[in-house]
Structures are given as C-alpha cells and as structure tokens.
C-alpha cells in the first residue's frame, strides 16, 4: 500500500510541474500583449518623445520601433522601412554576395592547384601577346603606306603650290582616307587588346589570391 501511495504522490507532483510549465509558456507568449491580446508598441516622435500604444501612427510607421511587454520592456525590434536607395543598395550587396559565392564555387570546382591557374593565365596572356604583336606589325605596314601616299600627294594640288601641278586623282584621295581609317581602327584594336591583357592579368591575380584563401594556403 505504501508503494502505491508513493507512486500516486509522484504522479500528482508531475502533473503540478507540467501545469506550471504550461502556465509559464503561456505568460511568456502573452507578455507582449495587453489584456485584449493586442501587441504593445513603443516609438519615438519627431520631438524625441517616447510613446506606447497598440498601434503605431502612420507618420511613424516607416521608422524604427519596438514591441514591448506590459512592463514596458522591449522584447523585439521592428526595423525602419528602407528608402528606395537603401533597398537598391541592399539588393546590390545581395547580388555581389551571390556572385562572389558563385565565383568561389567555380574556382574550387575548376582548379586543383595554384599552378594550374597560373598555366591557364600564361596561355591566355601569350595568346593576347601574339595578337598584339600581329596588330602592331600591321600598323607598321599601314603607317608605311600612309607615308608613301602623303609623299605622292605632294605632287598634286592642293598640296603642291605649283600652278602647273595637276589635281590629285580620286584614287589617291580615296587611298589616303581608307588607309587613315584603317590605322585608326587598328590603333583602337591594339589599345583594346592591351587593356584586355591588363584586365585579364588582374583577374587571374585576384583568382589566385582568392583560391589561396579558400584553400588556406599562402
């Protein structure tokens, strides 16, 4: 009989403990509401005065505020609504983070060592160097043609002041314009290739540095 009585007492204690826990949880959940179950808020007006209520006025809804319990203690914060500029900046940071994460994944999936990145860098830079060399040589040829055409044009009007000098032929005039345009095109192409090579070197150097960080090597 004593054992049965002891078991019953233990069961009663467990029931009481469980009841107390349920009550504590209920009080915790209801701590930031008033008697009607509505949340209580705290905000600061334009004069710096703190207000409390179950509803934030529309003119202050866009600024930072807080949810409080019945004792006025903050239990959570409500962030201020962001301006279009802040939203755009947040989106930019998000996209940057996604691009960086994708870059890191690509580096780890593509290369197994720094030496492998360096080999690919050197191959691509050498290819660009060959293209730059060919373009430079072509420019030298064009410059030679232009010098000859200009020398030839000196025998004709309007470059020759001799009254008996014949007018320049249409063919020479067209050749002068064409070769000059070709030179401008190739000069722009040469500058583009040099810029591309510089950017490529910087990108590979950045990839190598980041790869070392990801691998924990130096």
N, C-alpha and C. Protein backbone atom coordinates (compact mmCIF):
# COMPACT_ATOMS: atom_id res chain seq x y z
N UNK A 1 0.83 -1.20 0.00
CA UNK A 1 0.00 0.00 0.00
C UNK A 1 0.87 1.25 0.00
N UNK A 2 1.99 1.22 0.74
CA UNK A 2 2.88 2.38 0.81
C UNK A 2 3.45 2.71 -0.55
N UNK A 3 3.80 1.64 -1.35
CA UNK A 3 4.36 1.85 -2.67
C UNK A 3 3.33 2.48 -3.60
N UNK A 4 2.09 2.02 -3.51
CA UNK A 4 1.04 2.59 -4.35
C UNK A 4 0.81 4.05 -4.00
N UNK A 5 0.83 4.37 -2.70
CA UNK A 5 0.62 5.75 -2.25
C UNK A 5 1.75 6.65 -2.74
N UNK A 6 3.00 6.14 -2.67
CA UNK A 6 4.15 6.92 -3.13
C UNK A 6 4.06 7.19 -4.63
N UNK A 7 3.64 6.16 -5.39
CA UNK A 7 3.51 6.34 -6.83
C UNK A 7 2.46 7.39 -7.16
N UNK A 8 1.38 7.41 -6.41
CA UNK A 8 0.33 8.39 -6.66
C UNK A 8 0.80 9.80 -6.36
N UNK A 9 1.59 9.95 -5.31
CA UNK A 9 2.10 11.27 -4.97
C UNK A 9 3.05 11.78 -6.07
N UNK A 10 3.91 10.89 -6.58
CA UNK A 10 4.83 11.29 -7.65
C UNK A 10 4.06 11.74 -8.90
N UNK A 11 2.98 11.01 -9.20
CA UNK A 11 2.18 11.37 -10.36
C UNK A 11 1.56 12.75 -10.20
N UNK A 12 1.08 13.04 -8.94
CA UNK A 12 0.49 14.35 -8.68
C UNK A 12 1.54 15.45 -8.85
N UNK A 13 2.76 15.20 -8.34
CA UNK A 13 3.83 16.20 -8.49
C UNK A 13 4.15 16.47 -9.96
N UNK A 14 4.19 15.41 -10.76
CA UNK A 14 4.49 15.58 -12.19
C UNK A 14 3.41 16.41 -12.87
N UNK A 15 2.16 16.15 -12.51
CA UNK A 15 1.06 16.90 -13.10
C UNK A 15 1.17 18.38 -12.72
N UNK A 16 1.51 18.66 -11.45
CA UNK A 16 1.65 20.04 -10.99
C UNK A 16 2.79 20.75 -11.72
N UNK A 17 3.91 20.04 -11.90
CA UNK A 17 5.07 20.62 -12.59
C UNK A 17 4.74 20.94 -14.04
N UNK A 18 4.07 19.98 -14.71
CA UNK A 18 3.69 20.21 -16.11
C UNK A 18 2.73 21.38 -16.23
N UNK A 19 1.83 21.49 -15.28
CA UNK A 19 0.89 22.61 -15.29
C UNK A 19 1.60 23.94 -15.13
N UNK A 20 2.59 23.96 -14.24
CA UNK A 20 3.35 25.19 -14.03
C UNK A 20 4.13 25.58 -15.28
N UNK A 21 4.70 24.60 -15.96
CA UNK A 21 5.44 24.89 -17.19
C UNK A 21 4.52 25.45 -18.27
N UNK A 22 3.37 24.86 -18.43
CA UNK A 22 2.40 25.35 -19.41
C UNK A 22 2.01 26.79 -19.10
N UNK A 23 1.83 27.10 -17.81
CA UNK A 23 1.46 28.45 -17.40
C UNK A 23 2.58 29.45 -17.72
N UNK A 24 3.83 29.03 -17.47
CA UNK A 24 4.96 29.92 -17.75
C UNK A 24 5.07 30.22 -19.24
N UNK A 25 4.88 29.19 -20.06
CA UNK A 25 4.94 29.39 -21.50
C UNK A 25 3.83 30.32 -21.97
N UNK A 26 2.65 30.14 -21.42
CA UNK A 26 1.52 30.99 -21.80
C UNK A 26 1.78 32.44 -21.42
N UNK A 27 2.33 32.65 -20.21
CA UNK A 27 2.63 34.00 -19.77
C UNK A 27 3.70 34.63 -20.64
N UNK A 28 4.70 33.82 -21.05
CA UNK A 28 5.77 34.34 -21.89
C UNK A 28 5.23 34.78 -23.24
N UNK A 29 4.34 33.96 -23.82
CA UNK A 29 3.77 34.28 -25.12
C UNK A 29 2.86 35.49 -25.04
N UNK A 30 2.21 35.67 -23.93
CA UNK A 30 1.27 36.78 -23.78
C UNK A 30 1.92 38.02 -23.20
N UNK A 31 3.21 37.95 -22.94
CA UNK A 31 3.88 39.05 -22.25
C UNK A 31 3.94 40.34 -23.03
N UNK A 32 3.86 40.27 -24.37
CA UNK A 32 3.95 41.48 -25.16
C UNK A 32 2.59 41.88 -25.72
N UNK A 33 1.53 41.47 -25.07
CA UNK A 33 0.18 41.86 -25.46
C UNK A 33 -0.54 42.43 -24.27
N UNK A 34 -1.60 43.20 -24.57
CA UNK A 34 -2.41 43.72 -23.47
C UNK A 34 -3.50 42.73 -23.13
N UNK A 35 -4.46 43.15 -22.30
CA UNK A 35 -5.50 42.23 -21.84
C UNK A 35 -6.38 41.75 -22.97
N UNK A 36 -6.45 42.49 -24.07
CA UNK A 36 -7.29 42.07 -25.20
C UNK A 36 -6.52 41.25 -26.21
N UNK A 37 -5.24 40.98 -25.92
CA UNK A 37 -4.44 40.16 -26.82
C UNK A 37 -3.73 40.93 -27.90
N UNK A 38 -3.82 42.26 -27.89
CA UNK A 38 -3.15 43.06 -28.90
C UNK A 38 -1.71 43.35 -28.50
N UNK A 39 -0.82 43.49 -29.51
CA UNK A 39 0.58 43.79 -29.22
C UNK A 39 0.72 45.23 -28.77
N UNK A 40 1.75 45.48 -27.96
CA UNK A 40 2.05 46.82 -27.48
C UNK A 40 3.34 47.30 -28.15
N UNK A 41 3.33 48.53 -28.64
CA UNK A 41 4.45 49.06 -29.37
C UNK A 41 5.03 50.29 -28.66
N UNK A 42 6.29 50.57 -28.97
CA UNK A 42 6.95 51.78 -28.48
C UNK A 42 7.60 52.48 -29.66
N UNK A 43 7.40 53.79 -29.78
CA UNK A 43 8.03 54.56 -30.84
C UNK A 43 8.36 55.96 -30.32
N UNK A 44 9.19 56.65 -31.08
CA UNK A 44 9.63 57.99 -30.70
C UNK A 44 9.15 58.97 -31.75
N UNK A 45 8.56 60.09 -31.31
CA UNK A 45 8.04 61.06 -32.27
C UNK A 45 9.15 62.02 -32.72
N UNK A 46 8.77 63.00 -33.53
CA UNK A 46 9.74 63.92 -34.11
C UNK A 46 10.43 64.79 -33.06
N UNK A 47 9.79 64.97 -31.91
CA UNK A 47 10.37 65.76 -30.83
C UNK A 47 11.21 64.92 -29.86
N UNK A 48 11.32 63.64 -30.16
CA UNK A 48 12.11 62.76 -29.31
C UNK A 48 11.35 62.19 -28.13
N UNK A 49 10.03 62.36 -28.11
CA UNK A 49 9.21 61.85 -27.02
C UNK A 49 8.82 60.41 -27.30
N UNK A 50 8.97 59.55 -26.30
CA UNK A 50 8.65 58.14 -26.46
C UNK A 50 7.16 57.91 -26.19
N UNK A 51 6.54 57.12 -27.05
CA UNK A 51 5.11 56.80 -26.91
C UNK A 51 4.91 55.30 -26.86
N UNK A 52 3.80 54.89 -26.25
CA UNK A 52 3.42 53.49 -26.17
C UNK A 52 1.98 53.36 -26.64
N UNK A 53 1.66 52.26 -27.31
CA UNK A 53 0.30 52.03 -27.72
C UNK A 53 0.17 50.74 -28.50
N UNK A 54 -1.09 50.38 -28.79
CA UNK A 54 -1.33 49.15 -29.53
C UNK A 54 -1.31 49.37 -31.04
N UNK A 55 -1.04 50.62 -31.46
CA UNK A 55 -1.00 50.94 -32.89
C UNK A 55 -0.02 52.08 -33.11
N UNK A 56 0.86 51.90 -34.09
CA UNK A 56 1.83 52.95 -34.41
C UNK A 56 1.19 53.90 -35.41
N UNK A 57 1.18 55.21 -35.15
CA UNK A 57 0.59 56.18 -36.09
C UNK A 57 1.25 56.06 -37.46
N UNK A 58 0.48 56.28 -38.52
CA UNK A 58 1.03 56.12 -39.88
C UNK A 58 2.29 56.95 -40.13
N UNK A 59 2.35 58.16 -39.55
CA UNK A 59 3.52 59.01 -39.81
C UNK A 59 4.80 58.47 -39.19
N UNK A 60 4.68 57.52 -38.27
CA UNK A 60 5.86 56.92 -37.64
C UNK A 60 6.03 55.44 -38.01
N UNK A 61 5.17 54.95 -38.90
CA UNK A 61 5.22 53.53 -39.25
C UNK A 61 6.47 53.16 -40.03
N UNK A 62 7.08 54.17 -40.69
CA UNK A 62 8.25 53.88 -41.51
C UNK A 62 9.56 53.93 -40.74
N UNK A 63 9.52 54.35 -39.47
CA UNK A 63 10.76 54.45 -38.69
C UNK A 63 10.89 53.26 -37.76
N UNK A 64 12.07 53.13 -37.17
CA UNK A 64 12.33 52.01 -36.26
C UNK A 64 11.44 52.13 -35.01
N UNK A 65 10.94 50.99 -34.57
CA UNK A 65 10.11 50.96 -33.36
C UNK A 65 10.38 49.64 -32.64
N UNK A 66 9.58 49.37 -31.58
CA UNK A 66 9.82 48.16 -30.78
C UNK A 66 8.50 47.60 -30.29
N UNK A 67 8.51 46.29 -30.06
CA UNK A 67 7.39 45.62 -29.39
C UNK A 67 7.79 45.47 -27.92
N UNK A 68 6.89 45.85 -27.00
CA UNK A 68 7.20 45.80 -25.57
C UNK A 68 6.18 44.92 -24.85
N UNK A 69 6.56 44.48 -23.64
CA UNK A 69 5.62 43.73 -22.82
C UNK A 69 4.84 44.69 -21.92
N UNK A 70 4.02 44.15 -21.04
CA UNK A 70 3.17 45.01 -20.20
C UNK A 70 3.97 45.85 -19.23
N UNK A 71 5.22 45.47 -18.97
CA UNK A 71 6.07 46.26 -18.09
C UNK A 71 6.86 47.33 -18.87
N UNK A 72 6.66 47.43 -20.18
CA UNK A 72 7.36 48.41 -20.99
C UNK A 72 8.75 47.99 -21.41
N UNK A 73 9.07 46.72 -21.22
CA UNK A 73 10.39 46.21 -21.58
C UNK A 73 10.36 45.72 -23.03
N UNK A 74 11.36 46.13 -23.81
CA UNK A 74 11.41 45.72 -25.20
C UNK A 74 11.64 44.21 -25.32
N UNK A 75 10.84 43.59 -26.18
CA UNK A 75 11.00 42.16 -26.42
C UNK A 75 11.44 41.88 -27.86
N UNK A 76 11.28 42.86 -28.73
CA UNK A 76 11.76 42.72 -30.11
C UNK A 76 11.81 44.09 -30.77
N UNK A 77 12.59 44.19 -31.85
CA UNK A 77 12.73 45.44 -32.58
C UNK A 77 12.09 45.33 -33.95
N UNK A 78 11.52 46.41 -34.42
CA UNK A 78 10.95 46.49 -35.75
C UNK A 78 11.80 47.45 -36.57
N UNK A 79 12.41 46.94 -37.62
CA UNK A 79 13.29 47.77 -38.42
C UNK A 79 12.51 48.85 -39.17
N UNK A 80 13.18 49.97 -39.39
CA UNK A 80 12.56 51.05 -40.16
C UNK A 80 12.43 50.64 -41.62
N UNK A 81 11.39 51.14 -42.27
CA UNK A 81 11.23 50.86 -43.68
C UNK A 81 12.36 51.52 -44.46
N UNK A 82 12.93 50.80 -45.40
CA UNK A 82 14.08 51.29 -46.16
C UNK A 82 13.62 52.20 -47.31
N UNK A 83 14.47 53.19 -47.62
CA UNK A 83 14.22 54.06 -48.76
C UNK A 83 14.54 53.29 -50.04
N UNK A 84 14.07 53.79 -51.19
CA UNK A 84 14.42 53.12 -52.45
C UNK A 84 15.92 52.98 -52.64
N UNK A 85 16.68 54.00 -52.21
CA UNK A 85 18.14 53.92 -52.33
C UNK A 85 18.71 52.82 -51.44
N UNK A 86 18.18 52.71 -50.22
CA UNK A 86 18.65 51.67 -49.31
C UNK A 86 18.28 50.28 -49.83
N UNK A 87 17.08 50.16 -50.39
CA UNK A 87 16.67 48.88 -50.97
C UNK A 87 17.55 48.50 -52.15
N UNK A 88 17.89 49.50 -52.97
CA UNK A 88 18.76 49.24 -54.12
C UNK A 88 20.16 48.83 -53.65
N UNK A 89 20.66 49.48 -52.60
CA UNK A 89 21.97 49.14 -52.07
C UNK A 89 21.97 47.73 -51.47
N UNK A 90 20.88 47.39 -50.77
CA UNK A 90 20.77 46.05 -50.20
C UNK A 90 20.72 44.99 -51.30
N UNK A 91 20.01 45.30 -52.38
CA UNK A 91 19.93 44.37 -53.50
C UNK A 91 21.29 44.21 -54.16
N UNK A 92 22.02 45.33 -54.28
CA UNK A 92 23.36 45.27 -54.88
C UNK A 92 24.29 44.39 -54.05
N UNK A 93 24.22 44.57 -52.72
CA UNK A 93 25.07 43.76 -51.85
C UNK A 93 24.70 42.28 -51.93
N UNK A 94 23.40 42.02 -52.05
CA UNK A 94 22.95 40.64 -52.18
C UNK A 94 23.48 40.02 -53.46
N UNK A 95 23.40 40.77 -54.57
CA UNK A 95 23.89 40.25 -55.85
C UNK A 95 25.41 40.06 -55.81
N UNK A 96 26.12 41.00 -55.17
CA UNK A 96 27.57 40.86 -55.04
C UNK A 96 27.93 39.60 -54.26
N UNK A 97 27.18 39.37 -53.17
CA UNK A 97 27.44 38.19 -52.35
C UNK A 97 27.17 36.91 -53.15
N UNK A 98 26.10 36.92 -53.96
CA UNK A 98 25.78 35.74 -54.77
C UNK A 98 26.86 35.51 -55.83
N UNK A 99 27.31 36.61 -56.46
CA UNK A 99 28.37 36.47 -57.47
C UNK A 99 29.67 35.97 -56.85
N UNK A 100 30.00 36.48 -55.67
CA UNK A 100 31.23 36.05 -55.01
C UNK A 100 31.15 34.57 -54.62
N UNK A 101 29.96 34.16 -54.15
CA UNK A 101 29.78 32.75 -53.78
C UNK A 101 29.90 31.86 -55.01
N UNK A 102 29.32 32.31 -56.13
CA UNK A 102 29.41 31.53 -57.37
C UNK A 102 30.85 31.47 -57.87
N UNK A 103 31.57 32.59 -57.72
CA UNK A 103 32.97 32.62 -58.13
C UNK A 103 33.80 31.64 -57.29
N UNK A 104 33.58 31.65 -55.98
CA UNK A 104 34.32 30.74 -55.10
C UNK A 104 34.04 29.29 -55.48
N UNK A 105 32.77 28.98 -55.73
CA UNK A 105 32.41 27.61 -56.11
C UNK A 105 33.07 27.23 -57.42
N UNK A 106 33.09 28.16 -58.37
CA UNK A 106 33.70 27.88 -59.67
C UNK A 106 35.20 27.67 -59.54
N UNK A 107 35.85 28.48 -58.71
CA UNK A 107 37.30 28.31 -58.51
C UNK A 107 37.62 26.93 -57.95
N UNK A 108 36.87 26.51 -56.95
CA UNK A 108 37.14 25.23 -56.30
C UNK A 108 36.79 24.05 -57.21
N UNK A 109 35.78 24.23 -58.06
CA UNK A 109 35.37 23.15 -58.95
C UNK A 109 36.24 23.06 -60.21
N UNK A 110 36.91 24.17 -60.56
CA UNK A 110 37.66 24.22 -61.81
C UNK A 110 39.14 23.88 -61.62
N UNK A 111 39.72 24.34 -60.52
CA UNK A 111 41.17 24.17 -60.33
C UNK A 111 41.48 23.29 -59.13
N UNK A 112 42.63 22.66 -59.22
CA UNK A 112 43.09 21.83 -58.11
C UNK A 112 44.34 22.42 -57.46
N UNK A 113 44.96 23.40 -58.12
CA UNK A 113 46.18 23.99 -57.56
C UNK A 113 46.39 25.39 -58.14
N UNK A 114 47.24 26.16 -57.47
CA UNK A 114 47.60 27.49 -57.95
C UNK A 114 48.35 27.39 -59.27
N UNK A 115 49.18 26.39 -59.40
CA UNK A 115 49.97 26.21 -60.62
C UNK A 115 49.07 26.03 -61.84
N UNK A 116 47.94 25.38 -61.65
CA UNK A 116 47.02 25.17 -62.76
C UNK A 116 46.42 26.50 -63.22
N UNK A 117 46.10 27.38 -62.27
CA UNK A 117 45.58 28.71 -62.62
C UNK A 117 46.65 29.51 -63.34
N UNK A 118 47.88 29.42 -62.86
CA UNK A 118 48.99 30.17 -63.47
C UNK A 118 49.24 29.71 -64.90
N UNK A 119 49.13 28.40 -65.14
CA UNK A 119 49.35 27.89 -66.50
C UNK A 119 48.30 28.43 -67.47
N UNK A 120 47.04 28.42 -67.01
CA UNK A 120 45.97 28.94 -67.86
C UNK A 120 46.14 30.44 -68.09
N UNK A 121 46.55 31.16 -67.05
CA UNK A 121 46.81 32.60 -67.19
C UNK A 121 47.88 32.85 -68.25
N UNK A 122 48.97 32.12 -68.17
CA UNK A 122 50.08 32.33 -69.10
C UNK A 122 49.67 32.00 -70.53
N UNK A 123 48.86 30.94 -70.70
CA UNK A 123 48.41 30.57 -72.04
C UNK A 123 47.57 31.68 -72.67
N UNK A 124 46.64 32.21 -71.89
CA UNK A 124 45.76 33.25 -72.44
C UNK A 124 46.49 34.57 -72.65
N UNK A 125 47.41 34.89 -71.76
CA UNK A 125 48.18 36.12 -71.93
C UNK A 125 49.12 36.02 -73.13
N UNK A 126 49.68 34.83 -73.36
CA UNK A 126 50.55 34.64 -74.51
C UNK A 126 49.76 34.77 -75.81
N UNK A 127 48.52 34.27 -75.78
CA UNK A 127 47.67 34.39 -76.97
C UNK A 127 47.37 35.86 -77.28
N UNK A 128 47.07 36.61 -76.25
CA UNK A 128 46.84 38.04 -76.44
C UNK A 128 48.11 38.77 -76.89
N UNK A 129 49.23 38.35 -76.34
CA UNK A 129 50.51 38.97 -76.73
C UNK A 129 50.78 38.75 -78.21
N UNK A 130 50.45 37.55 -78.72
CA UNK A 130 50.63 37.27 -80.15
C UNK A 130 49.70 38.16 -80.99
N UNK A 131 48.45 38.34 -80.52
CA UNK A 131 47.51 39.20 -81.25
C UNK A 131 47.99 40.65 -81.25
N UNK A 132 48.54 41.08 -80.13
CA UNK A 132 49.07 42.45 -80.05
C UNK A 132 50.25 42.62 -81.00
N UNK A 133 51.09 41.62 -81.08
CA UNK A 133 52.25 41.68 -81.97
C UNK A 133 51.82 41.77 -83.43
N UNK A 134 50.84 40.95 -83.83
CA UNK A 134 50.36 40.96 -85.21
C UNK A 134 49.74 42.31 -85.55
N UNK A 135 48.93 42.84 -84.62
CA UNK A 135 48.29 44.13 -84.85
C UNK A 135 49.33 45.24 -84.96
N UNK A 136 50.36 45.18 -84.12
CA UNK A 136 51.42 46.19 -84.18
C UNK A 136 52.16 46.14 -85.51
N UNK A 137 52.41 44.93 -86.01
CA UNK A 137 53.09 44.78 -87.29
C UNK A 137 52.22 45.31 -88.43
N UNK A 138 50.92 45.04 -88.35
CA UNK A 138 50.00 45.54 -89.38
C UNK A 138 49.97 47.07 -89.37
N UNK A 139 50.02 47.64 -88.17
CA UNK A 139 50.04 49.11 -88.06
C UNK A 139 51.29 49.69 -88.70
N UNK A 140 52.42 49.02 -88.55
CA UNK A 140 53.65 49.49 -89.17
C UNK A 140 53.52 49.49 -90.69
N UNK A 141 52.88 48.45 -91.23
CA UNK A 141 52.66 48.38 -92.68
C UNK A 141 51.76 49.52 -93.14
N UNK A 142 50.69 49.75 -92.38
CA UNK A 142 49.75 50.83 -92.74
C UNK A 142 50.43 52.20 -92.64
N UNK A 143 51.24 52.38 -91.61
CA UNK A 143 51.97 53.65 -91.47
C UNK A 143 52.89 53.88 -92.67
N UNK A 144 53.53 52.79 -93.14
CA UNK A 144 54.40 52.92 -94.32
C UNK A 144 53.60 53.31 -95.55
N UNK A 145 52.42 52.69 -95.72
CA UNK A 145 51.57 53.04 -96.86
C UNK A 145 51.14 54.50 -96.81
N UNK A 146 50.77 54.95 -95.60
CA UNK A 146 50.30 56.33 -95.46
C UNK A 146 51.41 57.33 -95.78
N UNK A 147 52.63 57.01 -95.36
CA UNK A 147 53.75 57.90 -95.64
C UNK A 147 53.98 58.01 -97.15
N UNK A 148 53.89 56.88 -97.86
CA UNK A 148 54.08 56.89 -99.31
C UNK A 148 52.97 57.67 -100.00
N UNK A 149 51.74 57.48 -99.54
CA UNK A 149 50.62 58.20 -100.13
C UNK A 149 50.73 59.70 -99.90
N UNK A 150 51.16 60.09 -98.71
CA UNK A 150 51.32 61.51 -98.42
C UNK A 150 52.45 62.11 -99.26
N UNK A 151 53.51 61.32 -99.44
CA UNK A 151 54.62 61.80 -100.28
C UNK A 151 54.15 61.97 -101.72
N UNK A 152 53.33 61.01 -102.18
CA UNK A 152 52.82 61.10 -103.56
C UNK A 152 51.86 62.26 -103.71
N UNK A 153 51.08 62.53 -102.66
CA UNK A 153 50.08 63.61 -102.75
C UNK A 153 50.73 64.98 -102.88
N UNK A 154 52.02 65.09 -102.51
CA UNK A 154 52.70 66.38 -102.57
C UNK A 154 52.96 66.82 -104.01
N UNK A 155 52.78 65.92 -104.96
CA UNK A 155 52.96 66.27 -106.37
C UNK A 155 51.70 66.86 -106.98
N UNK A 156 50.62 66.86 -106.20
CA UNK A 156 49.34 67.28 -106.75
C UNK A 156 48.76 68.44 -105.93
N UNK A 157 47.85 69.18 -106.59
CA UNK A 157 47.08 70.17 -105.87
C UNK A 157 46.13 69.43 -104.92
N UNK A 158 45.81 69.98 -103.77
CA UNK A 158 46.17 71.32 -103.26
C UNK A 158 47.46 71.34 -102.46
N UNK A 159 48.16 70.15 -102.34
CA UNK A 159 49.37 70.11 -101.52
C UNK A 159 50.57 70.72 -102.23
N UNK A 160 50.56 70.72 -103.53
CA UNK A 160 51.64 71.32 -104.32
C UNK A 160 51.20 72.71 -104.76
N UNK A 161 52.01 73.72 -104.41
CA UNK A 161 51.64 75.11 -104.71
C UNK A 161 51.98 75.53 -106.13
N UNK A 162 52.65 74.64 -106.90
CA UNK A 162 52.99 74.96 -108.29
C UNK A 162 51.70 75.10 -109.10
N UNK A 163 51.51 76.24 -109.77
CA UNK A 163 50.28 76.44 -110.55
C UNK A 163 50.07 75.37 -111.62
N UNK A 164 51.21 74.79 -112.10
CA UNK A 164 51.09 73.78 -113.16
C UNK A 164 50.87 72.37 -112.63
N UNK A 165 50.84 72.22 -111.29
CA UNK A 165 50.66 70.89 -110.70
C UNK A 165 49.27 70.36 -111.00
N UNK A 166 49.18 69.09 -111.37
CA UNK A 166 47.86 68.52 -111.69
C UNK A 166 47.05 68.28 -110.41
N UNK A 167 45.74 68.21 -110.52
CA UNK A 167 44.91 67.91 -109.34
C UNK A 167 45.10 66.45 -108.91
N UNK A 168 44.89 66.22 -107.63
CA UNK A 168 45.04 64.86 -107.10
C UNK A 168 43.93 63.96 -107.66
N UNK A 169 44.34 62.75 -108.03
CA UNK A 169 43.36 61.80 -108.57
C UNK A 169 42.44 61.31 -107.47
N UNK A 170 41.26 60.89 -107.88
CA UNK A 170 40.29 60.35 -106.92
C UNK A 170 40.84 59.11 -106.22
N UNK A 171 41.63 58.32 -106.95
CA UNK A 171 42.16 57.08 -106.37
C UNK A 171 43.11 57.38 -105.21
N UNK A 172 43.99 58.35 -105.38
CA UNK A 172 44.92 58.70 -104.30
C UNK A 172 44.16 59.26 -103.10
N UNK A 173 43.18 60.12 -103.38
CA UNK A 173 42.39 60.69 -102.30
C UNK A 173 41.65 59.60 -101.52
N UNK A 174 41.07 58.65 -102.25
CA UNK A 174 40.36 57.54 -101.58
C UNK A 174 41.32 56.68 -100.78
N UNK A 175 42.52 56.44 -101.34
CA UNK A 175 43.51 55.62 -100.62
C UNK A 175 43.96 56.31 -99.33
N UNK A 176 44.13 57.61 -99.39
CA UNK A 176 44.52 58.36 -98.19
C UNK A 176 43.47 58.21 -97.08
N UNK A 177 42.20 58.37 -97.45
CA UNK A 177 41.11 58.25 -96.46
C UNK A 177 41.02 56.83 -95.94
N UNK A 178 41.11 55.84 -96.85
CA UNK A 178 40.96 54.44 -96.44
C UNK A 178 42.08 54.02 -95.50
N UNK A 179 43.32 54.34 -95.85
CA UNK A 179 44.45 53.92 -95.02
C UNK A 179 44.41 54.64 -93.67
N UNK A 180 44.04 55.90 -93.67
CA UNK A 180 43.93 56.63 -92.40
C UNK A 180 42.88 56.01 -91.49
N UNK A 181 41.74 55.64 -92.08
CA UNK A 181 40.69 54.98 -91.30
C UNK A 181 41.16 53.62 -90.78
N UNK A 182 41.88 52.88 -91.61
CA UNK A 182 42.40 51.58 -91.18
C UNK A 182 43.35 51.72 -90.00
N UNK A 183 44.17 52.76 -90.06
CA UNK A 183 45.12 53.00 -88.96
C UNK A 183 44.36 53.29 -87.66
N UNK A 184 43.35 54.15 -87.73
CA UNK A 184 42.57 54.46 -86.54
C UNK A 184 41.90 53.21 -85.98
N UNK A 185 41.37 52.38 -86.87
CA UNK A 185 40.71 51.14 -86.44
C UNK A 185 41.69 50.21 -85.74
N UNK A 186 42.87 50.03 -86.33
CA UNK A 186 43.85 49.12 -85.76
C UNK A 186 44.46 49.68 -84.47
N UNK A 187 44.58 50.99 -84.38
CA UNK A 187 45.07 51.59 -83.13
C UNK A 187 44.07 51.34 -82.00
N UNK A 188 42.78 51.48 -82.30
CA UNK A 188 41.76 51.20 -81.30
C UNK A 188 41.77 49.72 -80.92
N UNK A 189 41.96 48.86 -81.92
CA UNK A 189 42.02 47.42 -81.67
C UNK A 189 43.24 47.08 -80.81
N UNK A 190 44.35 47.72 -81.08
CA UNK A 190 45.57 47.48 -80.29
C UNK A 190 45.37 47.91 -78.84
N UNK A 191 44.76 49.08 -78.64
CA UNK A 191 44.51 49.55 -77.28
C UNK A 191 43.55 48.63 -76.55
N UNK A 192 42.56 48.13 -77.26
CA UNK A 192 41.60 47.20 -76.65
C UNK A 192 42.30 45.92 -76.20
N UNK A 193 43.19 45.40 -77.03
CA UNK A 193 43.91 44.17 -76.69
C UNK A 193 44.82 44.39 -75.48
N UNK A 194 45.46 45.53 -75.43
CA UNK A 194 46.34 45.82 -74.30
C UNK A 194 45.54 45.96 -73.01
N UNK A 195 44.39 46.63 -73.10
CA UNK A 195 43.52 46.76 -71.93
C UNK A 195 43.00 45.39 -71.50
N UNK A 196 42.61 44.57 -72.47
CA UNK A 196 42.13 43.22 -72.16
C UNK A 196 43.20 42.40 -71.46
N UNK A 197 44.43 42.55 -71.91
CA UNK A 197 45.53 41.80 -71.28
C UNK A 197 45.74 42.26 -69.84
N UNK A 198 45.69 43.59 -69.62
CA UNK A 198 45.84 44.10 -68.25
C UNK A 198 44.73 43.63 -67.34
N UNK A 199 43.49 43.68 -67.85
CA UNK A 199 42.35 43.22 -67.04
C UNK A 199 42.43 41.73 -66.76
N UNK A 200 42.87 40.98 -67.76
CA UNK A 200 42.98 39.53 -67.58
C UNK A 200 44.03 39.19 -66.52
N UNK A 201 45.15 39.88 -66.56
CA UNK A 201 46.19 39.63 -65.56
C UNK A 201 45.67 39.95 -64.16
N UNK A 202 44.97 41.07 -64.02
CA UNK A 202 44.41 41.44 -62.71
C UNK A 202 43.40 40.39 -62.24
N UNK A 203 42.55 39.90 -63.16
CA UNK A 203 41.54 38.91 -62.79
C UNK A 203 42.19 37.61 -62.34
N UNK A 204 43.20 37.17 -63.06
CA UNK A 204 43.88 35.94 -62.68
C UNK A 204 44.61 36.10 -61.36
N UNK A 205 45.24 37.26 -61.15
CA UNK A 205 45.92 37.50 -59.87
C UNK A 205 44.91 37.47 -58.72
N UNK A 206 43.72 38.05 -58.96
CA UNK A 206 42.67 38.04 -57.94
C UNK A 206 42.18 36.62 -57.68
N UNK A 207 42.03 35.83 -58.76
CA UNK A 207 41.58 34.44 -58.61
C UNK A 207 42.60 33.62 -57.83
N UNK A 208 43.87 33.84 -58.13
CA UNK A 208 44.93 33.11 -57.42
C UNK A 208 44.92 33.45 -55.94
N UNK A 209 44.80 34.74 -55.64
CA UNK A 209 44.76 35.17 -54.24
C UNK A 209 43.56 34.58 -53.52
N UNK A 210 42.40 34.60 -54.17
CA UNK A 210 41.18 34.06 -53.54
C UNK A 210 41.28 32.55 -53.40
N UNK A 211 41.84 31.88 -54.39
CA UNK A 211 41.99 30.42 -54.33
C UNK A 211 42.87 30.04 -53.14
N UNK A 212 43.93 30.80 -52.92
CA UNK A 212 44.80 30.53 -51.78
C UNK A 212 44.03 30.70 -50.46
N UNK A 213 43.19 31.74 -50.39
CA UNK A 213 42.40 31.95 -49.17
C UNK A 213 41.46 30.77 -48.93
N UNK A 214 40.78 30.34 -50.00
CA UNK A 214 39.83 29.24 -49.85
C UNK A 214 40.51 27.94 -49.45
N UNK A 215 41.73 27.76 -49.96
CA UNK A 215 42.47 26.54 -49.65
C UNK A 215 43.29 26.67 -48.36
N UNK A 216 43.35 27.90 -47.83
CA UNK A 216 44.12 28.11 -46.61
C UNK A 216 45.61 28.00 -46.82
N UNK A 217 46.05 28.33 -48.07
CA UNK A 217 47.49 28.26 -48.36
C UNK A 217 48.02 29.65 -48.60
N UNK A 218 49.36 29.78 -48.70
CA UNK A 218 50.00 31.08 -48.88
C UNK A 218 50.99 31.00 -50.03
